[in-house]
């Protein structure tokens, strides 16, 4: 179970890092507010995961000091593209948690995955990207 929580934690930490870059490339107040809200949500999920991993008397290891981005983030369009990719990645990070948890932990995992899918949909709408949703959020597309 710790491996699945560690994967979700890595995704949340990467999202926090990415939103620090995304936010500075957005100019519309509503977009900046959306990015700040997303970053805060990821911080809250990260903190829950850290507590859960500690409760399991385990460790996920230290967070990376920085992350390799899939492409340069130089303007609004690339920032929106990164936001979409990050949220899809967070959903993918949480999906394995569902198979190894139950009760409140599974509810938390499902909520985290769903929230990421909804945020990705919002970013797609803002970026005018279609389709707005994925058929199976959290599933790796091959």
N, C-alpha and C. Protein backbone atom coordinates (compact mmCIF):
# COMPACT_ATOMS: atom_id res chain seq x y z
N UNK A 1 0.83 -1.19 0.00
CA UNK A 1 0.00 0.00 0.00
C UNK A 1 0.87 1.25 0.00
N UNK A 2 2.00 1.19 0.69
CA UNK A 2 2.85 2.36 0.75
C UNK A 2 3.34 2.78 -0.63
N UNK A 3 3.60 1.81 -1.50
CA UNK A 3 4.07 2.13 -2.86
C UNK A 3 3.04 2.97 -3.60
N UNK A 4 1.77 2.64 -3.44
CA UNK A 4 0.71 3.39 -4.11
C UNK A 4 0.59 4.80 -3.52
N UNK A 5 0.68 4.91 -2.19
CA UNK A 5 0.64 6.23 -1.56
C UNK A 5 1.85 7.06 -1.98
N UNK A 6 3.01 6.42 -2.08
CA UNK A 6 4.22 7.13 -2.48
C UNK A 6 4.09 7.65 -3.92
N UNK A 7 3.46 6.88 -4.79
CA UNK A 7 3.23 7.34 -6.16
C UNK A 7 2.31 8.55 -6.21
N UNK A 8 1.25 8.51 -5.41
CA UNK A 8 0.34 9.65 -5.35
C UNK A 8 1.05 10.87 -4.76
N UNK A 9 1.88 10.64 -3.75
CA UNK A 9 2.63 11.73 -3.15
C UNK A 9 3.58 12.38 -4.16
N UNK A 10 4.27 11.57 -4.93
CA UNK A 10 5.18 12.11 -5.95
C UNK A 10 4.41 12.96 -6.96
N UNK A 11 3.22 12.51 -7.35
CA UNK A 11 2.40 13.28 -8.29
C UNK A 11 1.96 14.61 -7.68
N UNK A 12 1.57 14.58 -6.41
CA UNK A 12 1.15 15.82 -5.74
C UNK A 12 2.31 16.80 -5.61
N UNK A 13 3.49 16.29 -5.26
CA UNK A 13 4.65 17.17 -5.13
C UNK A 13 5.04 17.77 -6.47
N UNK A 14 4.96 16.98 -7.53
CA UNK A 14 5.25 17.50 -8.87
C UNK A 14 4.24 18.58 -9.26
N UNK A 15 2.99 18.39 -8.88
CA UNK A 15 1.95 19.38 -9.18
C UNK A 15 2.22 20.69 -8.45
N UNK A 16 2.61 20.61 -7.21
CA UNK A 16 2.93 21.82 -6.44
C UNK A 16 4.06 22.59 -7.13
N UNK A 17 5.11 21.87 -7.52
CA UNK A 17 6.22 22.49 -8.22
C UNK A 17 5.74 23.14 -9.53
N UNK A 18 4.96 22.41 -10.30
CA UNK A 18 4.50 22.90 -11.59
C UNK A 18 3.63 24.14 -11.46
N UNK A 19 2.75 24.17 -10.47
CA UNK A 19 1.88 25.33 -10.33
C UNK A 19 2.66 26.59 -9.96
N UNK A 20 3.82 26.44 -9.36
CA UNK A 20 4.67 27.59 -9.13
C UNK A 20 5.12 28.22 -10.44
N UNK A 21 5.33 27.39 -11.46
CA UNK A 21 5.71 27.89 -12.79
C UNK A 21 4.49 28.33 -13.60
N UNK A 22 3.42 27.57 -13.48
CA UNK A 22 2.22 27.87 -14.24
C UNK A 22 1.67 29.24 -13.87
N UNK A 23 1.58 29.51 -12.59
CA UNK A 23 0.97 30.74 -12.10
C UNK A 23 1.61 32.01 -12.63
N UNK A 24 2.92 32.00 -12.81
CA UNK A 24 3.60 33.22 -13.26
C UNK A 24 3.40 33.48 -14.74
N UNK A 25 2.90 32.51 -15.49
CA UNK A 25 2.68 32.68 -16.93
C UNK A 25 1.23 33.04 -17.27
N UNK A 26 0.38 33.06 -16.27
CA UNK A 26 -1.02 33.40 -16.48
C UNK A 26 -1.24 34.86 -16.13
N UNK A 27 -2.12 35.54 -16.84
CA UNK A 27 -2.35 36.95 -16.56
C UNK A 27 -3.78 37.25 -16.14
N UNK A 28 -4.74 36.50 -16.65
CA UNK A 28 -6.13 36.74 -16.30
C UNK A 28 -6.36 36.40 -14.82
N UNK A 29 -7.02 37.27 -14.12
CA UNK A 29 -7.24 37.08 -12.68
C UNK A 29 -7.91 35.75 -12.38
N UNK A 30 -8.89 35.37 -13.18
CA UNK A 30 -9.60 34.11 -12.93
C UNK A 30 -8.67 32.92 -13.10
N UNK A 31 -7.77 32.98 -14.06
CA UNK A 31 -6.83 31.88 -14.29
C UNK A 31 -5.82 31.79 -13.14
N UNK A 32 -5.34 32.93 -12.68
CA UNK A 32 -4.40 32.95 -11.56
C UNK A 32 -5.08 32.40 -10.31
N UNK A 33 -6.32 32.79 -10.08
CA UNK A 33 -7.08 32.28 -8.94
C UNK A 33 -7.25 30.77 -9.04
N UNK A 34 -7.56 30.28 -10.23
CA UNK A 34 -7.71 28.83 -10.46
C UNK A 34 -6.40 28.11 -10.16
N UNK A 35 -5.28 28.66 -10.61
CA UNK A 35 -3.97 28.05 -10.36
C UNK A 35 -3.63 28.04 -8.87
N UNK A 36 -3.90 29.13 -8.19
CA UNK A 36 -3.64 29.19 -6.74
C UNK A 36 -4.49 28.18 -5.98
N UNK A 37 -5.75 28.07 -6.38
CA UNK A 37 -6.63 27.10 -5.73
C UNK A 37 -6.17 25.68 -5.97
N UNK A 38 -5.72 25.40 -7.19
CA UNK A 38 -5.21 24.06 -7.51
C UNK A 38 -3.97 23.75 -6.70
N UNK A 39 -3.05 24.71 -6.63
CA UNK A 39 -1.83 24.49 -5.84
C UNK A 39 -2.18 24.21 -4.38
N UNK A 40 -3.11 24.96 -3.82
CA UNK A 40 -3.51 24.74 -2.42
C UNK A 40 -4.14 23.35 -2.24
N UNK A 41 -4.97 22.95 -3.19
CA UNK A 41 -5.58 21.61 -3.11
C UNK A 41 -4.50 20.53 -3.13
N UNK A 42 -3.50 20.70 -3.97
CA UNK A 42 -2.41 19.72 -4.03
C UNK A 42 -1.58 19.73 -2.75
N UNK A 43 -1.40 20.88 -2.14
CA UNK A 43 -0.69 20.95 -0.86
C UNK A 43 -1.46 20.18 0.23
N UNK A 44 -2.78 20.34 0.22
CA UNK A 44 -3.59 19.63 1.22
C UNK A 44 -3.54 18.12 1.00
N UNK A 45 -3.60 17.68 -0.24
CA UNK A 45 -3.49 16.24 -0.54
C UNK A 45 -2.11 15.73 -0.16
N UNK A 46 -1.08 16.50 -0.46
CA UNK A 46 0.29 16.10 -0.09
C UNK A 46 0.39 15.91 1.42
N UNK A 47 -0.15 16.86 2.17
CA UNK A 47 -0.08 16.77 3.63
C UNK A 47 -0.83 15.55 4.15
N UNK A 48 -1.98 15.23 3.54
CA UNK A 48 -2.72 14.04 3.95
C UNK A 48 -1.89 12.79 3.68
N UNK A 49 -1.27 12.75 2.52
CA UNK A 49 -0.45 11.58 2.17
C UNK A 49 0.74 11.42 3.10
N UNK A 50 1.39 12.52 3.43
CA UNK A 50 2.52 12.45 4.37
C UNK A 50 2.06 11.88 5.69
N UNK A 51 0.91 12.34 6.18
CA UNK A 51 0.37 11.82 7.45
C UNK A 51 0.02 10.35 7.33
N UNK A 52 -0.57 9.97 6.22
CA UNK A 52 -0.98 8.58 6.02
C UNK A 52 0.24 7.66 5.96
N UNK A 53 1.26 8.08 5.25
CA UNK A 53 2.48 7.28 5.14
C UNK A 53 3.15 7.16 6.51
N UNK A 54 3.14 8.23 7.28
CA UNK A 54 3.70 8.18 8.64
C UNK A 54 2.87 7.25 9.52
N UNK A 55 1.56 7.28 9.36
CA UNK A 55 0.66 6.40 10.11
C UNK A 55 0.98 4.93 9.82
N UNK A 56 1.39 4.65 8.59
CA UNK A 56 1.75 3.29 8.20
C UNK A 56 3.18 2.94 8.63
N UNK A 57 3.82 3.89 9.34
CA UNK A 57 5.20 3.72 9.82
C UNK A 57 6.14 3.42 8.65
N UNK A 58 5.97 4.21 7.61
CA UNK A 58 6.76 4.03 6.40
C UNK A 58 7.33 5.38 5.98
N UNK A 59 8.00 5.39 4.86
CA UNK A 59 8.58 6.62 4.34
C UNK A 59 8.50 6.60 2.83
N UNK A 60 8.24 7.77 2.26
CA UNK A 60 8.21 7.88 0.81
C UNK A 60 9.49 8.49 0.27
N UNK A 61 10.38 8.85 1.14
CA UNK A 61 11.61 9.49 0.71
C UNK A 61 11.41 10.98 0.51
N UNK A 62 12.48 11.71 0.34
CA UNK A 62 12.37 13.16 0.19
C UNK A 62 11.82 13.56 -1.17
N UNK A 63 11.17 14.71 -1.19
CA UNK A 63 10.68 15.25 -2.45
C UNK A 63 11.86 15.72 -3.28
N UNK A 64 11.68 15.71 -4.57
CA UNK A 64 12.74 16.19 -5.46
C UNK A 64 12.91 17.70 -5.29
N UNK A 65 14.13 18.16 -5.43
CA UNK A 65 14.39 19.60 -5.32
C UNK A 65 13.82 20.34 -6.52
N UNK A 66 13.78 19.69 -7.65
CA UNK A 66 13.17 20.25 -8.85
C UNK A 66 12.72 19.09 -9.73
N UNK A 67 11.98 19.42 -10.75
CA UNK A 67 11.43 18.39 -11.62
C UNK A 67 11.76 18.73 -13.07
N UNK A 68 11.90 17.71 -13.87
CA UNK A 68 12.11 17.91 -15.30
C UNK A 68 10.75 18.07 -15.95
N UNK A 69 10.55 19.20 -16.58
CA UNK A 69 9.28 19.46 -17.24
C UNK A 69 9.25 18.78 -18.60
N UNK A 70 8.06 18.38 -19.06
CA UNK A 70 7.96 17.70 -20.35
C UNK A 70 8.23 18.61 -21.54
N UNK A 71 8.18 19.93 -21.31
CA UNK A 71 8.42 20.92 -22.35
C UNK A 71 8.65 22.27 -21.65
N UNK A 72 9.25 23.23 -22.36
CA UNK A 72 9.46 24.55 -21.75
C UNK A 72 8.13 25.26 -21.50
N UNK A 73 8.04 25.95 -20.39
CA UNK A 73 6.85 26.74 -20.07
C UNK A 73 7.26 28.21 -20.22
N UNK A 74 6.87 28.78 -21.36
CA UNK A 74 7.34 30.12 -21.68
C UNK A 74 6.22 31.14 -21.87
N UNK A 75 4.98 30.67 -21.92
CA UNK A 75 3.86 31.58 -22.15
C UNK A 75 2.57 30.96 -21.60
N UNK A 76 1.48 31.69 -21.76
CA UNK A 76 0.18 31.23 -21.26
C UNK A 76 -0.20 29.87 -21.84
N UNK A 77 -0.04 29.70 -23.14
CA UNK A 77 -0.46 28.46 -23.79
C UNK A 77 0.30 27.26 -23.23
N UNK A 78 1.60 27.39 -23.07
CA UNK A 78 2.37 26.26 -22.54
C UNK A 78 2.07 26.05 -21.06
N UNK A 79 1.74 27.11 -20.33
CA UNK A 79 1.36 26.96 -18.93
C UNK A 79 0.05 26.19 -18.81
N UNK A 80 -0.90 26.50 -19.68
CA UNK A 80 -2.18 25.78 -19.67
C UNK A 80 -1.98 24.32 -20.06
N UNK A 81 -1.12 24.08 -21.04
CA UNK A 81 -0.82 22.71 -21.45
C UNK A 81 -0.20 21.92 -20.29
N UNK A 82 0.70 22.58 -19.55
CA UNK A 82 1.32 21.91 -18.40
C UNK A 82 0.28 21.64 -17.31
N UNK A 83 -0.63 22.58 -17.07
CA UNK A 83 -1.66 22.38 -16.06
C UNK A 83 -2.51 21.16 -16.39
N UNK A 84 -2.87 21.02 -17.65
CA UNK A 84 -3.65 19.85 -18.09
C UNK A 84 -2.86 18.57 -17.85
N UNK A 85 -1.62 18.57 -18.28
CA UNK A 85 -0.78 17.38 -18.15
C UNK A 85 -0.56 17.03 -16.68
N UNK A 86 -0.34 18.02 -15.85
CA UNK A 86 -0.12 17.78 -14.43
C UNK A 86 -1.36 17.16 -13.79
N UNK A 87 -2.52 17.71 -14.07
CA UNK A 87 -3.75 17.18 -13.47
C UNK A 87 -4.03 15.76 -13.95
N UNK A 88 -3.78 15.50 -15.23
CA UNK A 88 -3.93 14.13 -15.72
C UNK A 88 -2.95 13.20 -15.00
N UNK A 89 -1.74 13.68 -14.76
CA UNK A 89 -0.73 12.90 -14.04
C UNK A 89 -1.11 12.65 -12.59
N UNK A 90 -1.72 13.63 -11.96
CA UNK A 90 -2.16 13.45 -10.57
C UNK A 90 -3.27 12.39 -10.52
N UNK A 91 -4.19 12.45 -11.46
CA UNK A 91 -5.23 11.41 -11.51
C UNK A 91 -4.59 10.04 -11.68
N UNK A 92 -3.57 9.94 -12.53
CA UNK A 92 -2.87 8.68 -12.73
C UNK A 92 -2.14 8.25 -11.46
N UNK A 93 -1.63 9.22 -10.72
CA UNK A 93 -0.93 8.91 -9.48
C UNK A 93 -1.85 8.36 -8.39
N UNK A 94 -3.08 8.81 -8.38
CA UNK A 94 -4.03 8.36 -7.36
C UNK A 94 -4.74 7.06 -7.74
N UNK A 95 -4.87 6.77 -9.00
CA UNK A 95 -5.64 5.59 -9.42
C UNK A 95 -5.20 4.29 -8.73
N UNK A 96 -3.90 3.99 -8.61
CA UNK A 96 -3.50 2.75 -7.94
C UNK A 96 -3.89 2.68 -6.46
N UNK A 97 -4.10 3.84 -5.86
CA UNK A 97 -4.49 3.88 -4.45
C UNK A 97 -5.86 3.22 -4.25
N UNK A 98 -6.72 3.35 -5.25
CA UNK A 98 -8.08 2.82 -5.11
C UNK A 98 -8.10 1.31 -4.95
N UNK A 99 -7.16 0.62 -5.57
CA UNK A 99 -7.16 -0.83 -5.52
C UNK A 99 -6.63 -1.43 -4.23
N UNK A 100 -6.00 -0.61 -3.40
CA UNK A 100 -5.39 -1.16 -2.18
C UNK A 100 -5.95 -0.53 -0.91
N UNK A 101 -6.99 0.27 -1.05
CA UNK A 101 -7.56 0.94 0.12
C UNK A 101 -9.03 0.57 0.27
N UNK A 102 -9.58 0.98 1.38
CA UNK A 102 -11.01 0.79 1.62
C UNK A 102 -11.51 1.90 2.51
N UNK A 103 -12.81 2.00 2.62
CA UNK A 103 -13.48 2.94 3.50
C UNK A 103 -13.01 4.38 3.27
N UNK A 104 -12.64 5.08 4.33
CA UNK A 104 -12.29 6.50 4.24
C UNK A 104 -11.08 6.75 3.35
N UNK A 105 -10.10 5.85 3.39
CA UNK A 105 -8.91 6.04 2.55
C UNK A 105 -9.26 5.92 1.07
N UNK A 106 -10.13 4.99 0.73
CA UNK A 106 -10.56 4.86 -0.67
C UNK A 106 -11.37 6.08 -1.08
N UNK A 107 -12.22 6.57 -0.20
CA UNK A 107 -12.99 7.78 -0.49
C UNK A 107 -12.07 8.96 -0.74
N UNK A 108 -11.03 9.09 0.06
CA UNK A 108 -10.06 10.16 -0.14
C UNK A 108 -9.36 10.00 -1.47
N UNK A 109 -8.94 8.80 -1.80
CA UNK A 109 -8.27 8.54 -3.08
C UNK A 109 -9.17 8.84 -4.26
N UNK A 110 -10.42 8.41 -4.17
CA UNK A 110 -11.37 8.67 -5.26
C UNK A 110 -11.64 10.16 -5.41
N UNK A 111 -11.76 10.85 -4.29
CA UNK A 111 -11.97 12.31 -4.33
C UNK A 111 -10.78 13.01 -4.96
N UNK A 112 -9.57 12.58 -4.60
CA UNK A 112 -8.37 13.19 -5.16
C UNK A 112 -8.29 12.97 -6.67
N UNK A 113 -8.58 11.76 -7.10
CA UNK A 113 -8.55 11.45 -8.52
C UNK A 113 -9.62 12.23 -9.28
N UNK A 114 -10.81 12.30 -8.71
CA UNK A 114 -11.92 13.03 -9.33
C UNK A 114 -11.62 14.52 -9.39
N UNK A 115 -11.10 15.07 -8.30
CA UNK A 115 -10.77 16.50 -8.27
C UNK A 115 -9.74 16.84 -9.35
N UNK A 116 -8.74 15.98 -9.52
CA UNK A 116 -7.73 16.22 -10.55
C UNK A 116 -8.36 16.17 -11.94
N UNK A 117 -9.26 15.23 -12.17
CA UNK A 117 -9.93 15.13 -13.47
C UNK A 117 -10.79 16.36 -13.75
N UNK A 118 -11.44 16.87 -12.72
CA UNK A 118 -12.26 18.07 -12.88
C UNK A 118 -11.38 19.28 -13.17
N UNK A 119 -10.26 19.40 -12.44
CA UNK A 119 -9.35 20.52 -12.72
C UNK A 119 -8.79 20.42 -14.14
N UNK A 120 -8.44 19.22 -14.59
CA UNK A 120 -7.95 19.05 -15.96
C UNK A 120 -9.01 19.51 -16.97
N UNK A 121 -10.25 19.16 -16.70
CA UNK A 121 -11.35 19.57 -17.57
C UNK A 121 -11.47 21.10 -17.59
N UNK A 122 -11.34 21.74 -16.44
CA UNK A 122 -11.41 23.21 -16.39
C UNK A 122 -10.28 23.83 -17.21
N UNK A 123 -9.07 23.28 -17.05
CA UNK A 123 -7.94 23.82 -17.81
C UNK A 123 -8.14 23.60 -19.30
N UNK A 124 -8.68 22.46 -19.68
CA UNK A 124 -8.96 22.22 -21.11
C UNK A 124 -9.96 23.24 -21.64
N UNK A 125 -10.97 23.53 -20.84
CA UNK A 125 -11.98 24.52 -21.26
C UNK A 125 -11.33 25.89 -21.42
N UNK A 126 -10.51 26.29 -20.45
CA UNK A 126 -9.82 27.58 -20.53
C UNK A 126 -8.90 27.63 -21.73
N UNK A 127 -8.20 26.54 -22.00
CA UNK A 127 -7.25 26.47 -23.12
C UNK A 127 -7.93 26.20 -24.45
N UNK A 128 -9.24 25.98 -24.43
CA UNK A 128 -10.01 25.67 -25.63
C UNK A 128 -9.49 24.38 -26.30
N UNK A 129 -9.28 23.36 -25.45
CA UNK A 129 -8.81 22.06 -25.91
C UNK A 129 -9.98 21.08 -25.85
N UNK A 130 -10.16 20.32 -26.90
CA UNK A 130 -11.20 19.29 -26.90
C UNK A 130 -10.57 17.94 -27.19
N UNK A 131 -11.17 16.87 -26.72
CA UNK A 131 -12.33 16.85 -25.85
C UNK A 131 -11.97 17.35 -24.45
N UNK A 132 -12.98 17.81 -23.74
CA UNK A 132 -12.75 18.37 -22.41
C UNK A 132 -12.42 17.31 -21.37
N UNK A 133 -12.91 16.11 -21.57
CA UNK A 133 -12.72 15.07 -20.57
C UNK A 133 -12.03 13.85 -21.16
N UNK A 134 -11.54 13.01 -20.27
CA UNK A 134 -10.97 11.71 -20.66
C UNK A 134 -12.01 10.65 -20.35
N UNK A 135 -12.04 9.61 -21.13
CA UNK A 135 -13.01 8.54 -20.90
C UNK A 135 -12.80 7.88 -19.54
N UNK A 136 -11.56 7.65 -19.16
CA UNK A 136 -11.24 7.01 -17.89
C UNK A 136 -10.15 7.81 -17.20
N UNK A 137 -10.53 8.85 -16.44
CA UNK A 137 -9.50 9.66 -15.76
C UNK A 137 -8.59 8.78 -14.92
N UNK A 138 -7.33 9.09 -15.00
CA UNK A 138 -6.35 8.32 -14.22
C UNK A 138 -5.77 7.14 -14.96
N UNK A 139 -6.38 6.75 -16.07
CA UNK A 139 -5.87 5.62 -16.84
C UNK A 139 -4.81 6.14 -17.80
N UNK A 140 -3.69 5.45 -17.86
CA UNK A 140 -2.64 5.83 -18.77
C UNK A 140 -3.08 5.59 -20.20
N UNK A 141 -2.95 6.60 -21.03
CA UNK A 141 -3.33 6.49 -22.43
C UNK A 141 -2.14 5.97 -23.21
N UNK A 142 -2.36 4.91 -23.99
CA UNK A 142 -1.27 4.35 -24.78
C UNK A 142 -1.49 4.58 -26.25
